[in-house]
């Protein structure tokens, strides 16, 4: 009753859900625990991983476009342009974006569970396979 008064008559269903009544009638949220994550799906879609990241306070790499992973944080140039194009064209579909922060920007959950930018990767934080792509080879290139 107290919640219904605050939420108003149109939100009675939400008040019932908040009070914990009618649990048997609710549809399950998210994916079932047994269903595997899709390949390329963000770590933020897996609630068990999110819970661990919030508890540990460990930084992690942004694994999707700014628009999908962190819509409330600053966006890279490509994601800002994509958002502007969508606004101008009034399209709601999710096209692929060449996000400049993908696997480059480090994110972290604060103690209060808010997602924040922690920084960016530096060359010292990469493995030898990643560095070999950028270091010139000792043998001359043919062709």
N, C-alpha and C. Protein backbone atom coordinates (compact mmCIF):
# COMPACT_ATOMS: atom_id res chain seq x y z
N UNK A 1 0.83 -1.19 0.00
CA UNK A 1 0.00 0.00 0.00
C UNK A 1 0.87 1.25 0.00
N UNK A 2 1.91 1.21 0.80
CA UNK A 2 2.80 2.36 0.88
C UNK A 2 3.46 2.63 -0.48
N UNK A 3 3.91 1.57 -1.14
CA UNK A 3 4.56 1.73 -2.44
C UNK A 3 3.57 2.16 -3.51
N UNK A 4 2.36 1.63 -3.47
CA UNK A 4 1.36 1.98 -4.47
C UNK A 4 1.04 3.46 -4.37
N UNK A 5 0.98 3.99 -3.16
CA UNK A 5 0.72 5.42 -2.98
C UNK A 5 1.81 6.27 -3.60
N UNK A 6 3.07 5.82 -3.50
CA UNK A 6 4.18 6.58 -4.07
C UNK A 6 4.25 6.44 -5.59
N UNK A 7 3.94 5.25 -6.09
CA UNK A 7 4.09 4.99 -7.51
C UNK A 7 2.89 5.44 -8.32
N UNK A 8 1.74 5.52 -7.69
CA UNK A 8 0.54 5.91 -8.41
C UNK A 8 -0.25 4.70 -8.85
N UNK A 9 -1.48 4.91 -9.25
CA UNK A 9 -2.37 3.79 -9.59
C UNK A 9 -1.94 3.02 -10.82
N UNK A 10 -1.24 3.64 -11.76
CA UNK A 10 -0.83 2.95 -12.99
C UNK A 10 0.33 2.00 -12.77
N UNK A 11 1.05 2.17 -11.69
CA UNK A 11 2.23 1.34 -11.44
C UNK A 11 2.00 0.30 -10.36
N UNK A 12 0.76 -0.16 -10.20
CA UNK A 12 0.47 -1.15 -9.17
C UNK A 12 1.25 -2.43 -9.40
N UNK A 13 1.39 -2.84 -10.65
CA UNK A 13 2.12 -4.07 -10.97
C UNK A 13 3.56 -3.96 -10.49
N UNK A 14 4.19 -2.81 -10.72
CA UNK A 14 5.58 -2.62 -10.27
C UNK A 14 5.67 -2.67 -8.76
N UNK A 15 4.68 -2.12 -8.08
CA UNK A 15 4.70 -2.14 -6.62
C UNK A 15 4.59 -3.57 -6.12
N UNK A 16 3.76 -4.38 -6.77
CA UNK A 16 3.62 -5.78 -6.38
C UNK A 16 4.95 -6.49 -6.57
N UNK A 17 5.64 -6.21 -7.68
CA UNK A 17 6.93 -6.84 -7.93
C UNK A 17 7.96 -6.39 -6.91
N UNK A 18 7.94 -5.12 -6.55
CA UNK A 18 8.90 -4.61 -5.57
C UNK A 18 8.66 -5.19 -4.19
N UNK A 19 7.40 -5.45 -3.87
CA UNK A 19 7.07 -5.98 -2.56
C UNK A 19 7.32 -7.48 -2.48
N UNK A 20 7.62 -8.11 -3.63
CA UNK A 20 7.94 -9.52 -3.63
C UNK A 20 6.73 -10.41 -3.76
N UNK A 21 5.59 -9.86 -4.07
CA UNK A 21 4.38 -10.66 -4.23
C UNK A 21 4.27 -11.09 -5.68
N UNK A 22 3.65 -12.22 -5.90
CA UNK A 22 3.40 -12.69 -7.25
C UNK A 22 4.66 -13.16 -7.96
N UNK A 23 5.61 -13.72 -7.21
CA UNK A 23 6.87 -14.14 -7.84
C UNK A 23 6.67 -15.26 -8.84
N UNK A 24 5.68 -16.10 -8.62
CA UNK A 24 5.45 -17.22 -9.52
C UNK A 24 4.97 -16.77 -10.89
N UNK A 25 4.44 -15.58 -11.01
CA UNK A 25 3.88 -15.09 -12.26
C UNK A 25 4.89 -14.33 -13.10
N UNK A 26 6.05 -14.03 -12.55
CA UNK A 26 7.04 -13.24 -13.28
C UNK A 26 7.71 -14.06 -14.36
N UNK A 27 8.02 -13.42 -15.46
CA UNK A 27 8.82 -14.05 -16.51
C UNK A 27 10.28 -13.99 -16.08
N UNK A 28 11.08 -15.00 -16.38
CA UNK A 28 12.49 -14.96 -15.99
C UNK A 28 13.22 -13.85 -16.73
N UNK A 29 14.12 -13.19 -15.99
CA UNK A 29 14.89 -12.09 -16.58
C UNK A 29 16.18 -12.63 -17.16
N UNK A 30 16.64 -12.00 -18.23
CA UNK A 30 17.93 -12.34 -18.81
C UNK A 30 17.94 -13.72 -19.43
N UNK A 31 19.15 -14.25 -19.59
CA UNK A 31 19.28 -15.57 -20.17
C UNK A 31 19.26 -16.61 -19.06
N UNK A 32 18.83 -17.83 -19.35
CA UNK A 32 18.89 -18.88 -18.34
C UNK A 32 20.33 -19.15 -17.95
N UNK A 33 20.55 -19.61 -16.73
CA UNK A 33 21.92 -19.84 -16.26
C UNK A 33 22.65 -20.89 -17.08
N UNK A 34 21.91 -21.80 -17.68
CA UNK A 34 22.55 -22.86 -18.45
C UNK A 34 22.88 -22.44 -19.88
N UNK A 35 22.27 -21.36 -20.36
CA UNK A 35 22.52 -20.92 -21.74
C UNK A 35 23.89 -20.27 -21.84
N UNK A 36 24.69 -20.66 -22.81
CA UNK A 36 26.03 -20.06 -22.95
C UNK A 36 25.94 -18.64 -23.49
N UNK A 37 26.97 -17.86 -23.20
CA UNK A 37 27.04 -16.51 -23.75
C UNK A 37 27.32 -16.60 -25.24
N UNK A 38 26.81 -15.66 -25.98
CA UNK A 38 27.10 -15.62 -27.41
C UNK A 38 28.54 -15.19 -27.61
N UNK A 39 29.14 -15.67 -28.67
CA UNK A 39 30.51 -15.28 -28.98
C UNK A 39 30.51 -13.80 -29.30
N UNK A 40 31.43 -13.06 -28.71
CA UNK A 40 31.50 -11.63 -28.95
C UNK A 40 30.58 -10.82 -28.06
N UNK A 41 29.88 -11.48 -27.14
CA UNK A 41 28.98 -10.76 -26.26
C UNK A 41 29.77 -10.13 -25.12
N UNK A 42 29.37 -8.96 -24.71
CA UNK A 42 30.08 -8.21 -23.69
C UNK A 42 30.09 -8.93 -22.35
N UNK A 43 31.17 -8.76 -21.61
CA UNK A 43 31.27 -9.32 -20.27
C UNK A 43 30.20 -8.71 -19.36
N UNK A 44 29.72 -7.54 -19.69
CA UNK A 44 28.70 -6.88 -18.88
C UNK A 44 27.33 -7.53 -19.02
N UNK A 45 27.17 -8.44 -19.97
CA UNK A 45 25.90 -9.17 -20.13
C UNK A 45 25.83 -10.38 -19.21
N UNK A 46 26.97 -10.81 -18.66
CA UNK A 46 27.02 -11.97 -17.77
C UNK A 46 27.01 -11.47 -16.33
N UNK A 47 25.89 -11.66 -15.65
CA UNK A 47 25.72 -11.11 -14.30
C UNK A 47 26.71 -11.69 -13.29
N UNK A 48 27.11 -12.95 -13.45
CA UNK A 48 28.07 -13.52 -12.50
C UNK A 48 29.43 -12.84 -12.65
N UNK A 49 29.84 -12.54 -13.89
CA UNK A 49 31.10 -11.84 -14.10
C UNK A 49 31.02 -10.40 -13.61
N UNK A 50 29.88 -9.76 -13.82
CA UNK A 50 29.70 -8.39 -13.35
C UNK A 50 29.80 -8.35 -11.83
N UNK A 51 29.18 -9.32 -11.16
CA UNK A 51 29.21 -9.38 -9.70
C UNK A 51 30.66 -9.52 -9.21
N UNK A 52 31.44 -10.38 -9.87
CA UNK A 52 32.84 -10.57 -9.49
C UNK A 52 33.65 -9.30 -9.71
N UNK A 53 33.40 -8.62 -10.83
CA UNK A 53 34.13 -7.38 -11.12
C UNK A 53 33.78 -6.28 -10.11
N UNK A 54 32.53 -6.23 -9.69
CA UNK A 54 32.13 -5.23 -8.70
C UNK A 54 32.77 -5.52 -7.35
N UNK A 55 32.84 -6.80 -6.97
CA UNK A 55 33.42 -7.16 -5.68
C UNK A 55 34.93 -6.95 -5.67
N UNK A 56 35.59 -7.31 -6.76
CA UNK A 56 37.05 -7.23 -6.79
C UNK A 56 37.57 -5.82 -7.06
N UNK A 57 36.77 -5.01 -7.77
CA UNK A 57 37.25 -3.69 -8.15
C UNK A 57 38.34 -3.76 -9.20
N UNK A 58 38.40 -4.87 -9.90
CA UNK A 58 39.44 -5.09 -10.91
C UNK A 58 39.06 -4.42 -12.23
N UNK A 59 40.00 -3.72 -12.87
CA UNK A 59 39.69 -3.11 -14.18
C UNK A 59 39.59 -4.18 -15.26
N UNK A 60 38.83 -3.88 -16.30
CA UNK A 60 38.67 -4.78 -17.43
C UNK A 60 38.57 -3.97 -18.70
N UNK A 61 38.79 -4.62 -19.83
CA UNK A 61 38.78 -3.93 -21.12
C UNK A 61 37.36 -3.80 -21.66
N UNK A 62 37.10 -2.68 -22.28
CA UNK A 62 35.82 -2.47 -22.94
C UNK A 62 35.74 -3.45 -24.11
N UNK A 63 34.72 -4.28 -24.12
CA UNK A 63 34.62 -5.33 -25.14
C UNK A 63 33.41 -5.16 -26.05
N UNK A 64 33.12 -3.94 -26.38
CA UNK A 64 32.04 -3.62 -27.30
C UNK A 64 32.10 -2.15 -27.64
N UNK A 65 31.18 -1.69 -28.45
CA UNK A 65 31.18 -0.27 -28.82
C UNK A 65 30.73 0.57 -27.63
N UNK A 66 31.11 1.83 -27.63
CA UNK A 66 30.74 2.75 -26.55
C UNK A 66 29.23 2.83 -26.40
N UNK A 67 28.52 2.76 -27.51
CA UNK A 67 27.07 2.89 -27.50
C UNK A 67 26.44 1.73 -26.73
N UNK A 68 26.97 0.52 -26.90
CA UNK A 68 26.38 -0.66 -26.28
C UNK A 68 26.90 -0.94 -24.89
N UNK A 69 28.19 -0.74 -24.66
CA UNK A 69 28.79 -1.12 -23.39
C UNK A 69 28.63 -0.04 -22.33
N UNK A 70 28.92 1.18 -22.68
CA UNK A 70 28.93 2.26 -21.69
C UNK A 70 28.26 3.51 -22.24
N UNK A 71 26.94 3.49 -22.41
CA UNK A 71 26.27 4.64 -23.03
C UNK A 71 26.36 5.92 -22.22
N UNK A 72 26.60 5.82 -20.91
CA UNK A 72 26.67 7.02 -20.07
C UNK A 72 28.09 7.60 -19.98
N UNK A 73 29.09 6.90 -20.52
CA UNK A 73 30.47 7.40 -20.49
C UNK A 73 30.79 8.13 -21.79
N UNK A 74 31.93 8.83 -21.79
CA UNK A 74 32.35 9.53 -23.01
C UNK A 74 32.55 8.53 -24.13
N UNK A 75 32.16 8.92 -25.31
CA UNK A 75 32.25 8.04 -26.46
C UNK A 75 33.44 8.42 -27.33
N UNK A 76 33.93 7.44 -28.07
CA UNK A 76 35.00 7.72 -29.02
C UNK A 76 34.41 8.47 -30.21
N UNK A 77 35.27 8.94 -31.07
CA UNK A 77 34.83 9.72 -32.24
C UNK A 77 33.86 8.94 -33.12
N UNK A 78 34.15 7.68 -33.39
CA UNK A 78 33.30 6.87 -34.28
C UNK A 78 31.92 6.66 -33.69
N UNK A 79 31.85 6.37 -32.40
CA UNK A 79 30.54 6.14 -31.77
C UNK A 79 29.72 7.42 -31.69
N UNK A 80 30.39 8.56 -31.46
CA UNK A 80 29.66 9.84 -31.47
C UNK A 80 29.08 10.11 -32.85
N UNK A 81 29.87 9.87 -33.89
CA UNK A 81 29.38 10.08 -35.26
C UNK A 81 28.23 9.13 -35.58
N UNK A 82 28.34 7.90 -35.14
CA UNK A 82 27.29 6.91 -35.40
C UNK A 82 25.99 7.32 -34.70
N UNK A 83 26.12 7.79 -33.47
CA UNK A 83 24.93 8.24 -32.74
C UNK A 83 24.29 9.44 -33.43
N UNK A 84 25.11 10.35 -33.94
CA UNK A 84 24.60 11.52 -34.65
C UNK A 84 23.88 11.09 -35.93
N UNK A 85 24.47 10.14 -36.66
CA UNK A 85 23.83 9.65 -37.89
C UNK A 85 22.49 8.99 -37.59
N UNK A 86 22.44 8.19 -36.53
CA UNK A 86 21.19 7.53 -36.18
C UNK A 86 20.13 8.56 -35.81
N UNK A 87 20.53 9.61 -35.07
CA UNK A 87 19.59 10.64 -34.68
C UNK A 87 19.06 11.36 -35.91
N UNK A 88 19.96 11.64 -36.84
CA UNK A 88 19.58 12.36 -38.04
C UNK A 88 18.67 11.51 -38.93
N UNK A 89 18.96 10.23 -39.03
CA UNK A 89 18.18 9.34 -39.88
C UNK A 89 17.00 8.72 -39.15
N UNK A 90 16.93 8.89 -37.83
CA UNK A 90 15.87 8.32 -37.00
C UNK A 90 15.79 6.80 -37.13
N UNK A 91 16.94 6.15 -37.21
CA UNK A 91 16.97 4.69 -37.27
C UNK A 91 17.22 4.14 -35.88
N UNK A 92 16.64 3.01 -35.61
CA UNK A 92 16.82 2.38 -34.31
C UNK A 92 17.64 1.10 -34.39
N UNK A 93 18.02 0.68 -35.60
CA UNK A 93 18.79 -0.56 -35.71
C UNK A 93 20.21 -0.36 -35.20
N UNK A 94 20.82 -1.45 -34.77
CA UNK A 94 22.17 -1.39 -34.21
C UNK A 94 23.16 -1.85 -35.27
N UNK A 95 23.76 -0.89 -35.95
CA UNK A 95 24.74 -1.25 -36.97
C UNK A 95 26.10 -1.45 -36.32
N UNK A 96 26.99 -2.05 -37.05
CA UNK A 96 28.33 -2.26 -36.52
C UNK A 96 29.10 -0.95 -36.59
N UNK A 97 29.83 -0.67 -35.54
CA UNK A 97 30.59 0.56 -35.43
C UNK A 97 32.05 0.18 -35.23
N UNK A 98 32.95 0.91 -35.86
CA UNK A 98 34.38 0.68 -35.67
C UNK A 98 34.83 1.49 -34.46
N UNK A 99 34.47 1.02 -33.27
CA UNK A 99 34.74 1.73 -32.03
C UNK A 99 36.25 1.78 -31.77
N UNK A 100 36.74 2.97 -31.46
CA UNK A 100 38.18 3.15 -31.20
C UNK A 100 38.59 2.71 -29.81
N UNK A 101 37.63 2.52 -28.91
CA UNK A 101 37.94 2.09 -27.55
C UNK A 101 37.80 0.58 -27.36
N UNK A 102 37.38 -0.13 -28.41
CA UNK A 102 37.17 -1.58 -28.32
C UNK A 102 38.49 -2.27 -27.98
N UNK A 103 38.52 -2.99 -26.86
CA UNK A 103 39.70 -3.69 -26.33
C UNK A 103 40.87 -2.74 -26.12
N UNK A 104 40.59 -1.50 -25.82
CA UNK A 104 41.65 -0.51 -25.57
C UNK A 104 41.37 0.28 -24.30
N UNK A 105 40.13 0.68 -24.07
CA UNK A 105 39.81 1.47 -22.88
C UNK A 105 39.56 0.53 -21.70
N UNK A 106 40.14 0.89 -20.56
CA UNK A 106 39.96 0.11 -19.34
C UNK A 106 38.82 0.71 -18.53
N UNK A 107 37.91 -0.14 -18.10
CA UNK A 107 36.77 0.27 -17.29
C UNK A 107 36.87 -0.39 -15.92
N UNK A 108 36.20 0.20 -14.94
CA UNK A 108 36.22 -0.34 -13.59
C UNK A 108 34.91 0.02 -12.90
N UNK A 109 34.48 -0.83 -11.98
CA UNK A 109 33.32 -0.51 -11.16
C UNK A 109 33.81 0.15 -9.88
N UNK A 110 33.19 1.25 -9.49
CA UNK A 110 33.54 1.91 -8.23
C UNK A 110 32.98 1.11 -7.07
N UNK A 111 33.29 1.51 -5.85
CA UNK A 111 32.77 0.82 -4.67
C UNK A 111 31.25 0.85 -4.62
N UNK A 112 30.66 1.87 -5.21
CA UNK A 112 29.20 1.98 -5.23
C UNK A 112 28.59 1.26 -6.44
N UNK A 113 29.41 0.60 -7.25
CA UNK A 113 28.92 -0.18 -8.37
C UNK A 113 28.67 0.62 -9.64
N UNK A 114 29.28 1.80 -9.74
CA UNK A 114 29.11 2.64 -10.92
C UNK A 114 30.26 2.38 -11.88
N UNK A 115 29.95 2.24 -13.14
CA UNK A 115 30.96 1.98 -14.16
C UNK A 115 31.68 3.27 -14.53
N UNK A 116 33.01 3.27 -14.43
CA UNK A 116 33.83 4.44 -14.72
C UNK A 116 35.01 4.06 -15.61
N UNK A 117 35.59 5.07 -16.26
CA UNK A 117 36.79 4.86 -17.07
C UNK A 117 37.99 4.81 -16.14
N UNK A 118 38.86 3.81 -16.32
CA UNK A 118 40.03 3.64 -15.48
C UNK A 118 41.30 4.04 -16.21
N UNK A 119 41.21 4.16 -17.52
CA UNK A 119 42.38 4.54 -18.30
C UNK A 119 42.40 3.78 -19.61
N UNK A 120 43.59 3.73 -20.19
CA UNK A 120 43.77 3.06 -21.47
C UNK A 120 44.97 2.13 -21.38
N UNK A 121 45.03 1.16 -22.27
CA UNK A 121 46.16 0.24 -22.30
C UNK A 121 47.42 0.98 -22.73
N UNK A 122 48.54 0.53 -22.22
CA UNK A 122 49.83 1.05 -22.66
C UNK A 122 50.61 -0.12 -23.27
N UNK A 123 51.67 0.16 -24.02
CA UNK A 123 52.45 -0.94 -24.63
C UNK A 123 53.00 -1.92 -23.60
N UNK A 124 53.27 -1.48 -22.39
CA UNK A 124 53.80 -2.37 -21.36
C UNK A 124 52.76 -3.37 -20.88
N UNK A 125 51.49 -3.11 -21.14
CA UNK A 125 50.43 -4.00 -20.67
C UNK A 125 49.97 -5.00 -21.72
N UNK A 126 50.70 -5.12 -22.81
CA UNK A 126 50.29 -6.04 -23.87
C UNK A 126 51.21 -7.26 -23.89
N UNK A 127 50.71 -8.33 -24.48
CA UNK A 127 51.51 -9.55 -24.57
C UNK A 127 52.38 -9.52 -25.83
N UNK A 128 53.26 -10.51 -25.95
CA UNK A 128 54.22 -10.51 -27.07
C UNK A 128 53.52 -10.68 -28.42
N UNK A 129 52.42 -11.43 -28.47
CA UNK A 129 51.70 -11.61 -29.73
C UNK A 129 51.14 -10.28 -30.24
N UNK A 130 50.58 -9.50 -29.34
CA UNK A 130 50.03 -8.20 -29.74
C UNK A 130 51.13 -7.24 -30.15
N UNK A 131 52.25 -7.26 -29.44
CA UNK A 131 53.35 -6.35 -29.76
C UNK A 131 54.00 -6.72 -31.09
N UNK A 132 54.03 -8.01 -31.42
CA UNK A 132 54.68 -8.43 -32.67
C UNK A 132 53.98 -7.86 -33.90
N UNK A 133 52.73 -7.52 -33.78
CA UNK A 133 52.01 -6.91 -34.90
C UNK A 133 52.51 -5.51 -35.21
N UNK A 134 53.08 -4.85 -34.23
CA UNK A 134 53.48 -3.45 -34.39
C UNK A 134 54.98 -3.24 -34.53
N UNK A 135 55.77 -4.24 -34.14
CA UNK A 135 57.23 -4.12 -34.22
C UNK A 135 57.69 -4.59 -35.60
N UNK A 136 58.56 -3.82 -36.26
CA UNK A 136 59.01 -4.24 -37.60
C UNK A 136 59.79 -5.54 -37.53
N UNK A 137 59.65 -6.34 -38.56
CA UNK A 137 60.35 -7.63 -38.59
C UNK A 137 61.81 -7.40 -38.97
N UNK A 138 62.67 -8.34 -38.56
CA UNK A 138 64.10 -8.23 -38.84
C UNK A 138 64.42 -8.54 -40.29
N UNK A 139 63.62 -9.40 -40.91
CA UNK A 139 63.88 -9.75 -42.32
C UNK A 139 63.19 -8.75 -43.24
N UNK A 140 63.86 -8.42 -44.35
CA UNK A 140 63.25 -7.46 -45.28
C UNK A 140 62.01 -8.05 -45.95
N UNK A 141 61.05 -7.23 -46.22
CA UNK A 141 59.82 -7.66 -46.86
C UNK A 141 60.04 -7.86 -48.35
N UNK A 142 59.42 -8.88 -48.90
CA UNK A 142 59.54 -9.14 -50.34
C UNK A 142 58.36 -8.52 -51.06
N UNK A 143 58.60 -8.13 -52.30
CA UNK A 143 57.48 -7.69 -53.11
C UNK A 143 57.58 -6.33 -53.52
